[in-house]
Amino acid sequence: MGESPLTIQDDRLVRLFTPAQRFYRVQTSSSLTVRKNCLDDFHAAGGCWHDKADCRLSKTSIERHLDINDLSYKHSHFISLYDNLQAAQSLAHVLRARGHTDIVIAVICIPMLRRSCIPVPGGKGITANTVFLPVLDYIDRSDHVLSVFSVEDARKKLGVSAVGRGSEWLAIGRIPREFVKAEVSWHDSQHRTMCMQVLSSAARD
């Protein structure tokens, strides 16, 4: 007996969509996001629109964003996210060692995402003129699109060099406020223990 059309359709939907994805965002008041400073959007205190930002999606723009030592490249349209708390905590320690005292870690839960691909110029070292990078898209009722892709996929598909951190994802677009489940300041070691408890609890909800 063959599968019913409904079963086949359900299987395709499972492959096409993913359940809600949970990420962590680490930022300071000097973190910049290429978006208008709207109250409904999740952004750093210094977030605003930057005309000089490089909004092209390419191997070069990804590598420049991932290199936190490249201080000349501050106007990035990517938003770094991490798919586990340990990676976010590691970056928070690095920022703390560099003198930042206003570090915030946020738990971000993005609803059901649709699997898709976006064309990206192949670039140096890639034989194809155009490479299709796997992304996860969230589209709301107003047709706003938030796309996220893993740095690991960017390395495999575009040959992005081994910069950045493990478990890192890059978001293109804005992150609506309702996706942010918790925001916790990252201070001294005693406070960090409580911070971890709050973030872990929010991630389970």
Protein backbone atom coordinates (compact mmCIF):
# COMPACT_ATOMS: atom_id res chain seq x y z
CA MET A 1 0.00 0.00 0.00
CA GLY A 2 1.43 3.38 -1.00
CA GLU A 3 1.66 6.46 1.16
CA SER A 4 -1.33 8.76 1.24
CA PRO A 5 -0.96 12.19 -0.42
CA LEU A 6 -1.31 13.77 3.03
CA THR A 7 1.62 11.76 4.41
CA ILE A 8 3.79 12.71 1.44
CA GLN A 9 2.81 16.36 1.81
CA ASP A 10 3.54 16.33 5.55
CA ASP A 11 6.97 14.82 4.89
CA ARG A 12 7.78 17.60 2.42
CA LEU A 13 6.70 20.20 4.97
CA VAL A 14 9.00 18.65 7.56
CA ARG A 15 11.91 18.98 5.12
CA LEU A 16 10.90 22.51 4.09
CA PHE A 17 10.34 24.00 7.53
CA THR A 18 12.21 23.77 10.82
CA PRO A 19 10.83 24.20 14.35
CA ALA A 20 11.56 27.37 16.30
CA GLN A 21 15.29 28.03 16.55
CA ARG A 22 16.96 29.34 19.71
CA PHE A 23 20.00 31.60 19.54
CA TYR A 24 22.09 33.78 21.84
CA ARG A 25 23.24 37.32 21.06
CA VAL A 26 26.20 39.04 22.77
CA GLN A 27 26.49 42.80 22.50
CA THR A 28 27.66 46.00 24.15
CA SER A 29 26.43 49.58 23.86
CA SER A 30 28.91 50.09 21.02
CA SER A 31 27.53 47.18 18.98
CA LEU A 32 26.10 48.47 15.72
CA THR A 33 23.23 47.15 13.67
CA VAL A 34 22.36 48.39 10.21
CA ARG A 35 18.76 49.21 10.98
CA LYS A 36 16.77 52.25 11.93
CA ASN A 37 16.64 52.68 15.70
CA CYS A 38 13.03 51.55 16.12
CA LEU A 39 11.65 50.76 19.55
CA ASP A 40 10.13 47.50 18.32
CA ASP A 41 13.41 46.11 17.06
CA PHE A 42 16.16 44.41 19.03
CA HIS A 43 19.26 46.54 18.71
CA ALA A 44 22.24 47.83 20.64
CA ALA A 45 22.01 51.18 22.39
CA GLY A 46 24.26 52.58 19.69
CA GLY A 47 22.30 50.94 16.89
CA CYS A 48 21.32 53.24 14.04
CA TRP A 49 21.34 53.45 10.27
CA HIS A 50 24.79 53.50 8.68
CA ASP A 51 24.99 54.57 5.04
CA LYS A 52 28.59 53.35 4.78
CA ALA A 53 27.73 49.79 5.71
CA ASP A 54 28.65 47.07 3.25
CA CYS A 55 25.30 45.43 2.51
CA ARG A 56 26.61 43.01 -0.08
CA LEU A 57 26.54 39.33 0.77
CA SER A 58 29.90 37.93 -0.23
CA LYS A 59 32.80 35.88 1.09
CA THR A 60 34.72 39.09 1.80
CA SER A 61 31.92 40.81 3.71
CA ILE A 62 31.36 37.69 5.83
CA GLU A 63 35.05 37.32 6.67
CA ARG A 64 35.40 40.98 7.59
CA HIS A 65 32.41 40.74 9.91
CA LEU A 66 33.73 37.59 11.60
CA ASP A 67 37.18 39.05 12.29
CA ILE A 68 36.68 40.84 15.61
CA ASN A 69 40.27 42.07 15.40
CA ASP A 70 39.51 44.07 12.24
CA LEU A 71 38.59 47.31 13.95
CA SER A 72 38.47 49.18 10.63
CA TYR A 73 35.28 47.35 9.66
CA LYS A 74 32.61 48.49 12.09
CA HIS A 75 29.71 48.96 9.70
CA SER A 76 28.45 45.42 9.17
CA HIS A 77 24.88 44.51 8.26
CA PHE A 78 25.22 41.05 9.78
CA ILE A 79 24.02 40.24 13.31
CA SER A 80 26.08 37.52 15.02
CA LEU A 81 24.11 34.84 16.83
CA TYR A 82 25.23 31.64 18.57
CA ASP A 83 23.34 28.37 18.79
CA ASN A 84 24.65 27.50 22.26
CA LEU A 85 25.17 29.42 25.46
CA GLN A 86 28.77 28.29 25.95
CA ALA A 87 29.88 30.00 22.73
CA ALA A 88 28.10 33.20 23.74
CA GLN A 89 29.69 33.03 27.18
CA SER A 90 33.14 32.63 25.60
CA LEU A 91 32.68 35.79 23.53
CA ALA A 92 31.43 37.67 26.60
CA HIS A 93 34.68 36.77 28.39
CA VAL A 94 36.71 38.09 25.43
CA LEU A 95 34.80 41.38 25.40
CA ARG A 96 35.22 41.67 29.17
CA ALA A 97 38.98 41.16 28.83
CA ARG A 98 39.03 43.95 26.25
CA GLY A 99 37.59 46.39 28.75
CA HIS A 100 33.86 46.29 27.99
CA THR A 101 31.74 46.61 31.12
CA ASP A 102 28.28 46.85 29.54
CA ILE A 103 27.98 43.36 28.07
CA VAL A 104 24.51 41.90 27.52
CA ILE A 105 23.58 38.35 26.52
CA ALA A 106 20.12 37.80 25.07
CA VAL A 107 18.11 34.66 24.39
CA ILE A 108 16.42 34.91 20.98
CA CYS A 109 13.79 32.45 19.82
CA ILE A 110 12.84 32.69 16.14
CA PRO A 111 9.56 30.95 15.17
CA MET A 112 9.25 28.32 12.48
CA LEU A 113 11.73 28.96 9.69
CA ARG A 114 11.60 28.01 6.02
CA ARG A 115 14.63 26.40 4.42
CA SER A 116 15.86 28.30 1.39
CA CYS A 117 18.99 29.27 -0.55
CA ILE A 118 20.34 32.64 -1.63
CA PRO A 119 22.75 33.23 -4.52
CA VAL A 120 26.18 34.54 -3.55
CA PRO A 121 29.09 35.43 -5.89
CA GLY A 122 31.59 32.56 -5.93
CA GLY A 123 34.63 34.73 -5.30
CA LYS A 124 38.29 33.80 -5.20
CA GLY A 125 39.02 30.08 -4.93
CA ILE A 126 35.48 29.04 -5.92
CA THR A 127 35.02 27.56 -9.38
CA ALA A 128 31.32 28.44 -9.73
CA ASN A 129 30.37 32.02 -10.55
CA THR A 130 27.38 31.78 -8.22
CA VAL A 131 27.07 29.67 -5.08
CA PHE A 132 23.76 28.96 -3.38
CA LEU A 133 24.10 29.40 0.38
CA PRO A 134 21.59 27.51 2.59
CA VAL A 135 19.59 29.88 4.80
CA LEU A 136 16.62 29.77 7.15
CA ASP A 137 14.00 32.45 6.48
CA TYR A 138 11.35 33.91 8.75
CA ILE A 139 8.66 35.87 6.89
CA ASP A 140 5.99 37.78 8.79
CA ARG A 141 2.60 39.03 7.60
CA SER A 142 4.09 42.27 6.32
CA ASP A 143 6.55 40.29 4.16
CA HIS A 144 9.49 41.28 6.36
CA VAL A 145 12.21 38.68 5.88
CA LEU A 146 14.79 37.66 8.47
CA SER A 147 17.41 35.26 7.10
CA VAL A 148 19.97 33.34 9.15
CA PHE A 149 22.79 31.11 7.97
CA SER A 150 25.53 29.20 9.73
CA VAL A 151 29.17 30.19 9.47
CA GLU A 152 29.91 26.49 8.96
CA ASP A 153 27.80 26.50 5.77
CA ALA A 154 29.56 29.68 4.63
CA ARG A 155 32.89 27.90 5.07
CA LYS A 156 31.74 24.86 3.11
CA LYS A 157 30.00 26.71 0.28
CA LEU A 158 32.04 29.92 -0.04
CA GLY A 159 35.42 28.90 1.32
CA VAL A 160 35.18 31.45 4.15
CA SER A 161 38.41 31.30 6.16
CA ALA A 162 38.46 29.86 9.66
CA VAL A 163 37.64 33.08 11.46
CA GLY A 164 34.77 33.62 13.83
CA ARG A 165 33.62 31.25 16.54
CA GLY A 166 32.14 27.81 16.63
CA SER A 167 28.35 27.63 16.59
CA GLU A 168 28.13 31.12 15.08
CA TRP A 169 25.29 32.11 12.79
CA LEU A 170 24.76 35.37 10.92
CA ALA A 171 21.38 37.06 10.63
CA ILE A 172 20.41 39.42 7.82
CA GLY A 173 17.53 41.72 8.67
CA ARG A 174 16.05 42.92 11.93
CA ILE A 175 15.20 40.84 14.97
CA PRO A 176 11.74 41.81 16.28
CA ARG A 177 11.50 42.55 19.99
CA GLU A 178 9.04 39.71 20.59
CA PHE A 179 11.72 37.19 19.62
CA VAL A 180 13.89 38.26 22.58
CA LYS A 181 12.98 36.06 25.55
CA ALA A 182 15.55 37.41 28.02
CA GLU A 183 18.34 39.98 28.26
CA VAL A 184 20.89 39.73 31.07
CA SER A 185 23.83 41.99 31.90
CA TRP A 186 27.17 40.23 32.20
CA HIS A 187 29.14 41.65 35.14
CA ASP A 188 31.39 40.12 37.81
CA SER A 189 31.86 36.38 38.36
CA GLN A 190 29.19 36.17 41.08
CA HIS A 191 26.67 37.90 38.85
CA ARG A 192 27.57 35.65 35.91
CA THR A 193 26.40 32.57 37.81
CA MET A 194 22.96 34.12 38.16
CA CYS A 195 23.16 35.27 34.54
CA MET A 196 23.73 31.70 33.38
CA GLN A 197 20.77 30.46 35.44
CA VAL A 198 18.43 33.07 33.97
CA LEU A 199 19.57 32.42 30.40
CA SER A 200 19.35 28.65 30.78
CA SER A 201 15.85 28.94 32.23
CA ALA A 202 14.71 31.25 29.42
CA ALA A 203 16.13 28.87 26.83
CA ARG A 204 14.04 26.01 28.21
CA ASP A 205 10.76 27.97 28.20
